[in-house]
Amino acid sequence: MASLTANALCVVPTMAAAAAPRRHRSLVVARASAAKVDDAAGGRRQAMVLLAAVAATTASTAAAGRSARAAVSTKTGQWAEIENVTDPYVQDLGKWAVTEHNKQSGEGLEFGKVVRGRQQVVAGMNYSLEIETKGPASRFYEAGLFVSLPPEKRQLKSFTPLLG
């Protein structure tokens, strides 16, 4: 009779990644080996333990993923405020938007920080970020970005100065 063994790897998001819409996956690998089991009940017991471990790993990973995305609206097309704009992923998006704008326009703006943002779930994610630039001519800009589903590709849709 064949027996089953399992190796489980569970990736759980940290608190810093809680606001970022990222996908976390659990990997469960099951192997069948030709080892003899003395009694059929022992083999069934081993299979049931394996099944319980897989179910527990999957459930805990799903719960962690739901809590990490709790701040993100689950309805496609609905805009939601980004609660933690200091998240490194959001700041990286803002920095990338300024760099991309500089490439397209030939300007020399210097990224300061993202001060406000909204996101929209589509076949990927739309972002509307309010960015403060630094330097002698410190100003505020609104950047519209689209980030595609994995493999992640970013597109700068708009970059306009805000009056004020």
N, C-alpha and C. Protein backbone atom coordinates (compact mmCIF):
# COMPACT_ATOMS: atom_id res chain seq x y z
N MET A 1 0.85 -1.18 0.00
CA MET A 1 0.00 0.00 0.00
C MET A 1 0.89 1.24 0.00
N ALA A 2 0.50 2.24 -0.71
CA ALA A 2 1.28 3.48 -0.80
C ALA A 2 0.92 4.39 0.36
N SER A 3 1.88 5.19 0.78
CA SER A 3 1.60 6.17 1.83
C SER A 3 1.85 7.56 1.28
N LEU A 4 1.27 8.54 1.93
CA LEU A 4 1.42 9.92 1.50
C LEU A 4 2.21 10.70 2.52
N THR A 5 3.04 11.60 2.03
CA THR A 5 3.72 12.56 2.89
C THR A 5 3.49 13.93 2.30
N ALA A 6 3.61 14.96 3.11
CA ALA A 6 3.37 16.31 2.59
C ALA A 6 4.40 17.27 3.12
N ASN A 7 4.72 18.22 2.30
CA ASN A 7 5.56 19.36 2.69
C ASN A 7 4.69 20.58 2.46
N ALA A 8 4.54 21.43 3.46
CA ALA A 8 3.68 22.60 3.31
C ALA A 8 4.49 23.86 3.54
N LEU A 9 4.25 24.85 2.70
CA LEU A 9 4.88 26.15 2.83
C LEU A 9 3.77 27.17 2.80
N CYS A 10 3.66 27.97 3.83
CA CYS A 10 2.59 28.95 3.94
C CYS A 10 3.21 30.33 4.02
N VAL A 11 2.79 31.24 3.13
CA VAL A 11 3.29 32.60 3.15
C VAL A 11 2.20 33.47 3.75
N VAL A 12 2.50 34.17 4.85
CA VAL A 12 1.52 35.00 5.53
C VAL A 12 1.99 36.44 5.45
N PRO A 13 1.13 37.38 5.04
CA PRO A 13 1.55 38.77 4.93
C PRO A 13 1.87 39.38 6.29
N THR A 14 2.81 40.32 6.29
CA THR A 14 3.15 41.04 7.52
C THR A 14 2.27 42.25 7.64
N MET A 15 2.31 42.92 8.77
CA MET A 15 1.50 44.11 8.98
C MET A 15 1.86 45.21 8.00
N ALA A 16 3.13 45.33 7.64
CA ALA A 16 3.55 46.38 6.71
C ALA A 16 2.92 46.17 5.34
N ALA A 17 2.63 44.94 4.98
CA ALA A 17 2.07 44.66 3.67
C ALA A 17 0.55 44.64 3.70
N ALA A 18 -0.06 44.97 4.83
CA ALA A 18 -1.51 44.84 4.97
C ALA A 18 -2.28 45.73 4.00
N ALA A 19 -1.80 46.91 3.67
CA ALA A 19 -2.54 47.81 2.81
C ALA A 19 -2.27 47.56 1.34
N ALA A 20 -1.24 46.86 1.03
CA ALA A 20 -0.89 46.62 -0.36
C ALA A 20 -1.68 45.45 -0.91
N PRO A 21 -2.24 45.64 -2.11
CA PRO A 21 -3.00 44.55 -2.69
C PRO A 21 -2.08 43.54 -3.35
N ARG A 22 -1.64 42.60 -2.61
CA ARG A 22 -0.72 41.60 -3.13
C ARG A 22 -1.32 40.22 -2.95
N ARG A 23 -0.88 39.32 -3.80
CA ARG A 23 -1.36 37.95 -3.72
C ARG A 23 -0.37 37.11 -2.93
N HIS A 24 -0.88 36.33 -1.99
CA HIS A 24 -0.07 35.40 -1.22
C HIS A 24 -0.62 34.01 -1.49
N ARG A 25 0.26 33.06 -1.69
CA ARG A 25 -0.17 31.72 -2.00
C ARG A 25 0.44 30.74 -1.02
N SER A 26 -0.27 29.66 -0.80
CA SER A 26 0.31 28.58 -0.02
C SER A 26 0.64 27.47 -1.00
N LEU A 27 1.72 26.79 -0.73
CA LEU A 27 2.16 25.71 -1.59
C LEU A 27 2.13 24.43 -0.79
N VAL A 28 1.38 23.49 -1.25
CA VAL A 28 1.31 22.20 -0.58
C VAL A 28 1.72 21.16 -1.61
N VAL A 29 2.73 20.39 -1.28
CA VAL A 29 3.23 19.36 -2.17
C VAL A 29 2.98 18.01 -1.52
N ALA A 30 2.31 17.14 -2.20
CA ALA A 30 2.06 15.80 -1.67
C ALA A 30 2.83 14.80 -2.52
N ARG A 31 3.49 13.87 -1.86
CA ARG A 31 4.25 12.83 -2.56
C ARG A 31 3.69 11.47 -2.18
N ALA A 32 3.62 10.61 -3.14
CA ALA A 32 3.25 9.23 -2.85
C ALA A 32 4.53 8.42 -2.86
N SER A 33 4.68 7.60 -1.84
CA SER A 33 5.85 6.73 -1.79
C SER A 33 5.39 5.30 -1.73
N ALA A 34 6.25 4.37 -2.11
CA ALA A 34 5.88 2.97 -2.17
C ALA A 34 6.16 2.25 -0.86
N ALA A 35 6.26 2.97 0.24
CA ALA A 35 6.54 2.34 1.54
C ALA A 35 5.35 1.48 1.95
N LYS A 36 5.65 0.35 2.53
CA LYS A 36 4.59 -0.55 2.98
C LYS A 36 4.03 -0.08 4.32
N VAL A 37 2.74 -0.15 4.44
CA VAL A 37 2.08 0.16 5.69
C VAL A 37 1.49 -1.16 6.19
N ASP A 38 1.74 -1.47 7.46
CA ASP A 38 1.34 -2.77 8.00
C ASP A 38 -0.16 -2.97 7.98
N ASP A 39 -0.92 -1.94 8.32
CA ASP A 39 -2.36 -2.13 8.34
C ASP A 39 -3.04 -1.03 7.53
N ALA A 40 -4.16 -1.34 6.95
CA ALA A 40 -4.89 -0.40 6.11
C ALA A 40 -5.37 0.80 6.90
N ALA A 41 -5.73 0.60 8.18
CA ALA A 41 -6.22 1.71 9.01
C ALA A 41 -5.12 2.75 9.21
N GLY A 42 -3.88 2.30 9.35
CA GLY A 42 -2.76 3.24 9.51
C GLY A 42 -2.58 4.10 8.28
N GLY A 43 -2.76 3.53 7.10
CA GLY A 43 -2.66 4.28 5.85
C GLY A 43 -3.77 5.30 5.71
N ARG A 44 -4.98 4.88 6.07
CA ARG A 44 -6.11 5.81 6.01
C ARG A 44 -5.94 6.93 7.02
N ARG A 45 -5.46 6.60 8.21
CA ARG A 45 -5.23 7.60 9.25
C ARG A 45 -4.20 8.63 8.76
N GLN A 46 -3.14 8.14 8.15
CA GLN A 46 -2.09 9.03 7.65
C GLN A 46 -2.65 9.95 6.56
N ALA A 47 -3.49 9.39 5.67
CA ALA A 47 -4.09 10.20 4.61
C ALA A 47 -5.02 11.26 5.20
N MET A 48 -5.76 10.92 6.25
CA MET A 48 -6.67 11.88 6.88
C MET A 48 -5.90 13.01 7.57
N VAL A 49 -4.78 12.67 8.20
CA VAL A 49 -3.94 13.69 8.84
C VAL A 49 -3.41 14.64 7.78
N LEU A 50 -2.97 14.09 6.64
CA LEU A 50 -2.48 14.92 5.55
C LEU A 50 -3.57 15.84 5.03
N LEU A 51 -4.77 15.30 4.84
CA LEU A 51 -5.89 16.10 4.36
C LEU A 51 -6.22 17.23 5.35
N ALA A 52 -6.21 16.94 6.64
CA ALA A 52 -6.49 17.96 7.65
C ALA A 52 -5.43 19.05 7.64
N ALA A 53 -4.16 18.66 7.45
CA ALA A 53 -3.08 19.66 7.41
C ALA A 53 -3.23 20.57 6.20
N VAL A 54 -3.57 20.01 5.06
CA VAL A 54 -3.78 20.81 3.85
C VAL A 54 -4.93 21.78 4.04
N ALA A 55 -6.05 21.30 4.61
CA ALA A 55 -7.22 22.16 4.83
C ALA A 55 -6.90 23.29 5.81
N ALA A 56 -6.17 22.99 6.87
CA ALA A 56 -5.83 24.02 7.86
C ALA A 56 -4.91 25.07 7.25
N THR A 57 -3.94 24.65 6.47
CA THR A 57 -3.01 25.58 5.83
C THR A 57 -3.75 26.49 4.85
N THR A 58 -4.61 25.91 4.04
CA THR A 58 -5.37 26.69 3.06
C THR A 58 -6.29 27.69 3.75
N ALA A 59 -6.98 27.27 4.80
CA ALA A 59 -7.91 28.16 5.51
C ALA A 59 -7.18 29.30 6.19
N SER A 60 -6.04 29.03 6.82
CA SER A 60 -5.31 30.10 7.51
C SER A 60 -4.73 31.09 6.52
N THR A 61 -4.26 30.61 5.38
CA THR A 61 -3.72 31.51 4.36
C THR A 61 -4.82 32.37 3.77
N ALA A 62 -5.99 31.80 3.52
CA ALA A 62 -7.11 32.57 2.98
C ALA A 62 -7.56 33.64 3.97
N ALA A 63 -7.62 33.31 5.25
CA ALA A 63 -8.03 34.29 6.27
C ALA A 63 -7.02 35.42 6.37
N ALA A 64 -5.73 35.10 6.30
CA ALA A 64 -4.71 36.14 6.36
C ALA A 64 -4.79 37.04 5.14
N GLY A 65 -5.06 36.47 3.98
CA GLY A 65 -5.20 37.27 2.76
C GLY A 65 -6.40 38.18 2.83
N ARG A 66 -7.52 37.68 3.37
CA ARG A 66 -8.71 38.53 3.50
C ARG A 66 -8.46 39.68 4.44
N SER A 67 -7.77 39.45 5.56
CA SER A 67 -7.52 40.54 6.50
C SER A 67 -6.54 41.55 5.92
N ALA A 68 -5.60 41.09 5.10
CA ALA A 68 -4.63 42.00 4.50
C ALA A 68 -5.30 42.91 3.48
N ARG A 69 -6.36 42.42 2.84
CA ARG A 69 -7.03 43.23 1.83
C ARG A 69 -8.31 43.85 2.34
N ALA A 70 -8.52 43.86 3.64
CA ALA A 70 -9.77 44.35 4.20
C ALA A 70 -10.03 45.80 3.85
N ALA A 71 -8.97 46.60 3.68
CA ALA A 71 -9.14 48.01 3.38
C ALA A 71 -9.45 48.25 1.91
N VAL A 72 -9.32 47.24 1.07
CA VAL A 72 -9.53 47.39 -0.36
C VAL A 72 -10.96 46.97 -0.68
N SER A 73 -11.65 47.79 -1.45
CA SER A 73 -13.00 47.45 -1.86
C SER A 73 -12.96 46.20 -2.74
N THR A 74 -13.87 45.29 -2.51
CA THR A 74 -13.90 44.06 -3.29
C THR A 74 -14.78 44.18 -4.52
N LYS A 75 -15.50 45.27 -4.66
CA LYS A 75 -16.36 45.46 -5.81
C LYS A 75 -15.56 46.06 -6.96
N THR A 76 -15.60 45.38 -8.09
CA THR A 76 -14.89 45.87 -9.26
C THR A 76 -15.48 47.20 -9.69
N GLY A 77 -14.62 48.15 -9.99
CA GLY A 77 -15.04 49.45 -10.47
C GLY A 77 -15.28 50.49 -9.40
N GLN A 78 -15.28 50.13 -8.14
CA GLN A 78 -15.55 51.08 -7.06
C GLN A 78 -14.24 51.66 -6.54
N TRP A 79 -14.14 52.98 -6.43
CA TRP A 79 -12.95 53.64 -5.91
C TRP A 79 -12.97 53.58 -4.39
N ALA A 80 -11.80 53.35 -3.79
CA ALA A 80 -11.67 53.30 -2.34
C ALA A 80 -10.43 54.08 -1.93
N GLU A 81 -10.53 54.80 -0.82
CA GLU A 81 -9.38 55.53 -0.29
C GLU A 81 -8.29 54.54 0.13
N ILE A 82 -7.05 54.90 -0.10
CA ILE A 82 -5.92 54.12 0.40
C ILE A 82 -5.69 54.63 1.82
N GLU A 83 -5.95 53.77 2.79
CA GLU A 83 -5.87 54.19 4.19
C GLU A 83 -4.44 54.45 4.65
N ASN A 84 -3.49 53.68 4.16
CA ASN A 84 -2.10 53.80 4.59
C ASN A 84 -1.22 54.23 3.43
N VAL A 85 -1.20 55.54 3.14
CA VAL A 85 -0.39 56.02 2.01
C VAL A 85 1.10 55.99 2.32
N THR A 86 1.47 55.75 3.58
CA THR A 86 2.90 55.64 3.92
C THR A 86 3.44 54.24 3.63
N ASP A 87 2.57 53.32 3.21
CA ASP A 87 3.00 51.97 2.85
C ASP A 87 4.10 52.06 1.77
N PRO A 88 5.18 51.31 1.91
CA PRO A 88 6.28 51.38 0.94
C PRO A 88 5.85 51.12 -0.50
N TYR A 89 4.87 50.25 -0.73
CA TYR A 89 4.41 49.97 -2.09
C TYR A 89 3.75 51.21 -2.70
N VAL A 90 2.92 51.91 -1.92
CA VAL A 90 2.25 53.11 -2.40
C VAL A 90 3.28 54.20 -2.68
N GLN A 91 4.24 54.38 -1.79
CA GLN A 91 5.29 55.38 -1.99
C GLN A 91 6.12 55.04 -3.23
N ASP A 92 6.39 53.75 -3.44
CA ASP A 92 7.13 53.32 -4.63
C ASP A 92 6.36 53.64 -5.91
N LEU A 93 5.03 53.45 -5.88
CA LEU A 93 4.21 53.82 -7.04
C LEU A 93 4.32 55.31 -7.33
N GLY A 94 4.29 56.14 -6.29
CA GLY A 94 4.42 57.58 -6.47
C GLY A 94 5.77 57.98 -7.05
N LYS A 95 6.82 57.37 -6.52
CA LYS A 95 8.17 57.66 -7.01
C LYS A 95 8.30 57.23 -8.47
N TRP A 96 7.75 56.07 -8.80
CA TRP A 96 7.79 55.59 -10.17
C TRP A 96 7.04 56.54 -11.10
N ALA A 97 5.88 57.05 -10.65
CA ALA A 97 5.08 57.97 -11.47
C ALA A 97 5.87 59.25 -11.78
N VAL A 98 6.58 59.80 -10.79
CA VAL A 98 7.37 61.01 -11.03
C VAL A 98 8.50 60.71 -12.00
N THR A 99 9.19 59.59 -11.82
CA THR A 99 10.28 59.21 -12.72
C THR A 99 9.77 59.02 -14.14
N GLU A 100 8.65 58.35 -14.29
CA GLU A 100 8.07 58.11 -15.62
C GLU A 100 7.63 59.43 -16.25
N HIS A 101 7.04 60.33 -15.47
CA HIS A 101 6.66 61.65 -15.99
C HIS A 101 7.89 62.41 -16.47
N ASN A 102 8.97 62.35 -15.69
CA ASN A 102 10.21 63.02 -16.09
C ASN A 102 10.74 62.47 -17.42
N LYS A 103 10.67 61.15 -17.61
CA LYS A 103 11.12 60.53 -18.87
C LYS A 103 10.28 61.02 -20.05
N GLN A 104 8.97 61.10 -19.85
CA GLN A 104 8.06 61.48 -20.94
C GLN A 104 8.09 62.96 -21.25
N SER A 105 8.31 63.80 -20.23
CA SER A 105 8.21 65.25 -20.43
C SER A 105 9.55 65.96 -20.49
N GLY A 106 10.60 65.32 -20.01
CA GLY A 106 11.90 65.98 -19.96
C GLY A 106 12.06 66.90 -18.76
N GLU A 107 11.08 66.92 -17.87
CA GLU A 107 11.18 67.75 -16.66
C GLU A 107 12.12 67.09 -15.66
N GLY A 108 12.47 67.81 -14.62
CA GLY A 108 13.35 67.28 -13.59
C GLY A 108 12.72 67.31 -12.21
N LEU A 109 11.47 66.87 -12.12
CA LEU A 109 10.80 66.88 -10.82
C LEU A 109 11.46 65.88 -9.88
N GLU A 110 11.43 66.20 -8.58
CA GLU A 110 12.00 65.32 -7.57
C GLU A 110 10.88 64.84 -6.65
N PHE A 111 10.75 63.53 -6.52
CA PHE A 111 9.69 62.94 -5.71
C PHE A 111 9.86 63.32 -4.24
N GLY A 112 8.76 63.71 -3.62
CA GLY A 112 8.73 63.98 -2.18
C GLY A 112 8.04 62.84 -1.45
N LYS A 113 6.69 62.80 -1.60
CA LYS A 113 5.92 61.72 -0.98
C LYS A 113 4.51 61.70 -1.55
N VAL A 114 3.85 60.56 -1.37
CA VAL A 114 2.43 60.43 -1.70
C VAL A 114 1.68 60.88 -0.47
N VAL A 115 0.77 61.85 -0.63
CA VAL A 115 0.05 62.39 0.52
C VAL A 115 -1.40 61.89 0.61
N ARG A 116 -1.92 61.38 -0.51
CA ARG A 116 -3.30 60.90 -0.54
C ARG A 116 -3.44 59.97 -1.74
N GLY A 117 -4.35 59.02 -1.65
CA GLY A 117 -4.54 58.13 -2.80
C GLY A 117 -5.85 57.39 -2.76
N ARG A 118 -6.26 56.98 -3.94
CA ARG A 118 -7.44 56.13 -4.11
C ARG A 118 -7.06 55.00 -5.05
N GLN A 119 -7.79 53.88 -4.93
CA GLN A 119 -7.53 52.75 -5.81
C GLN A 119 -8.85 52.16 -6.28
N GLN A 120 -8.79 51.54 -7.46
CA GLN A 120 -9.98 50.97 -8.08
C GLN A 120 -9.62 49.60 -8.64
N VAL A 121 -10.39 48.59 -8.23
CA VAL A 121 -10.16 47.23 -8.71
C VAL A 121 -10.77 47.11 -10.10
N VAL A 122 -9.94 46.74 -11.07
CA VAL A 122 -10.38 46.45 -12.43
C VAL A 122 -9.67 45.15 -12.81
N ALA A 123 -9.36 44.94 -14.06
CA ALA A 123 -8.54 43.78 -14.43
C ALA A 123 -7.09 44.16 -14.15
N GLY A 124 -6.83 44.40 -12.90
CA GLY A 124 -5.58 44.97 -12.39
C GLY A 124 -6.00 45.98 -11.34
N MET A 125 -5.27 47.10 -11.24
CA MET A 125 -5.61 48.11 -10.25
C MET A 125 -5.33 49.49 -10.83
N ASN A 126 -6.31 50.38 -10.74
CA ASN A 126 -6.11 51.79 -11.06
C ASN A 126 -5.78 52.53 -9.78
N TYR A 127 -4.87 53.49 -9.87
CA TYR A 127 -4.52 54.32 -8.72
C TYR A 127 -4.64 55.78 -9.12
N SER A 128 -5.12 56.59 -8.21
CA SER A 128 -5.11 58.03 -8.34
C SER A 128 -4.36 58.54 -7.12
N LEU A 129 -3.14 59.04 -7.34
CA LEU A 129 -2.28 59.44 -6.24
C LEU A 129 -2.02 60.94 -6.25
N GLU A 130 -2.11 61.56 -5.07
CA GLU A 130 -1.72 62.96 -4.92
C GLU A 130 -0.28 62.94 -4.41
N ILE A 131 0.60 63.52 -5.22
CA ILE A 131 2.04 63.45 -4.96
C ILE A 131 2.58 64.85 -4.71
N GLU A 132 3.41 64.95 -3.66
CA GLU A 132 4.10 66.20 -3.38
C GLU A 132 5.54 66.06 -3.88
N THR A 133 5.96 67.03 -4.69
CA THR A 133 7.36 67.04 -5.15
C THR A 133 8.13 67.95 -4.23
N LYS A 134 9.44 67.73 -4.16
CA LYS A 134 10.26 68.58 -3.29
C LYS A 134 11.26 69.36 -4.14
N GLY A 135 11.88 70.30 -3.51
CA GLY A 135 12.83 71.15 -4.21
C GLY A 135 12.37 72.59 -4.13
N PRO A 136 13.05 73.47 -4.86
CA PRO A 136 12.68 74.89 -4.79
C PRO A 136 11.26 75.17 -5.28
N ALA A 137 10.78 74.38 -6.22
CA ALA A 137 9.43 74.59 -6.74
C ALA A 137 8.53 73.44 -6.28
N SER A 138 8.39 73.28 -4.98
CA SER A 138 7.57 72.20 -4.43
C SER A 138 6.12 72.40 -4.83
N ARG A 139 5.55 71.38 -5.45
CA ARG A 139 4.16 71.44 -5.92
C ARG A 139 3.47 70.11 -5.67
N PHE A 140 2.16 70.11 -5.90
CA PHE A 140 1.37 68.90 -5.79
C PHE A 140 0.87 68.51 -7.17
N TYR A 141 0.88 67.20 -7.44
CA TYR A 141 0.42 66.66 -8.71
C TYR A 141 -0.52 65.49 -8.45
N GLU A 142 -1.40 65.26 -9.41
CA GLU A 142 -2.24 64.08 -9.35
C GLU A 142 -1.79 63.15 -10.47
N ALA A 143 -1.46 61.92 -10.08
CA ALA A 143 -0.99 60.92 -11.04
C ALA A 143 -2.02 59.81 -11.14
N GLY A 144 -2.36 59.46 -12.38
CA GLY A 144 -3.24 58.32 -12.64
C GLY A 144 -2.39 57.17 -13.16
N LEU A 145 -2.46 56.03 -12.49
CA LEU A 145 -1.66 54.86 -12.86
C LEU A 145 -2.55 53.64 -13.04
N PHE A 146 -2.08 52.73 -13.87
CA PHE A 146 -2.71 51.42 -13.98
C PHE A 146 -1.62 50.38 -13.75
N VAL A 147 -1.90 49.43 -12.86
CA VAL A 147 -0.98 48.32 -12.59
C VAL A 147 -1.70 47.04 -12.99
N SER A 148 -1.12 46.33 -13.97
CA SER A 148 -1.77 45.12 -14.48
C SER A 148 -1.60 43.96 -13.52
N LEU A 149 -2.36 42.92 -13.78
CA LEU A 149 -2.23 41.68 -13.01
C LEU A 149 -0.86 41.07 -13.30
N PRO A 150 -0.40 40.17 -12.43
CA PRO A 150 0.92 39.57 -12.65
C PRO A 150 1.03 38.93 -14.02
N PRO A 151 2.13 39.09 -14.73
CA PRO A 151 3.31 39.84 -14.28
C PRO A 151 3.00 41.34 -14.29
N GLU A 152 3.31 41.99 -13.17
CA GLU A 152 2.95 43.39 -12.96
C GLU A 152 3.64 44.31 -13.96
N LYS A 153 2.81 45.11 -14.64
CA LYS A 153 3.32 46.16 -15.53
C LYS A 153 2.60 47.44 -15.15
N ARG A 154 3.35 48.53 -15.11
CA ARG A 154 2.79 49.83 -14.72
C ARG A 154 2.65 50.73 -15.93
N GLN A 155 1.56 51.51 -15.94
CA GLN A 155 1.34 52.49 -17.00
C GLN A 155 0.94 53.81 -16.34
N LEU A 156 1.60 54.89 -16.76
CA LEU A 156 1.23 56.22 -16.29
C LEU A 156 0.17 56.76 -17.24
N LYS A 157 -1.04 56.95 -16.74
CA LYS A 157 -2.16 57.41 -17.57
C LYS A 157 -2.27 58.93 -17.60
N SER A 158 -1.95 59.58 -16.46
CA SER A 158 -2.03 61.03 -16.39
C SER A 158 -1.11 61.54 -15.29
N PHE A 159 -0.69 62.79 -15.46
CA PHE A 159 0.15 63.45 -14.44
C PHE A 159 -0.11 64.94 -14.58
N THR A 160 -0.95 65.47 -13.71
CA THR A 160 -1.37 66.87 -13.84
C THR A 160 -1.11 67.65 -12.55
N PRO A 161 -0.68 68.91 -12.69
CA PRO A 161 -0.47 69.74 -11.50
C PRO A 161 -1.81 70.09 -10.85
N LEU A 162 -1.81 70.14 -9.53
CA LEU A 162 -3.00 70.55 -8.79
C LEU A 162 -2.87 72.03 -8.45
N LEU A 163 -3.96 72.73 -8.53
CA LEU A 163 -3.95 74.16 -8.20
C LEU A 163 -3.99 74.32 -6.69
N GLY A 164 -3.31 75.31 -6.22
CA GLY A 164 -3.39 75.52 -4.78
C GLY A 164 -2.26 76.20 -4.18
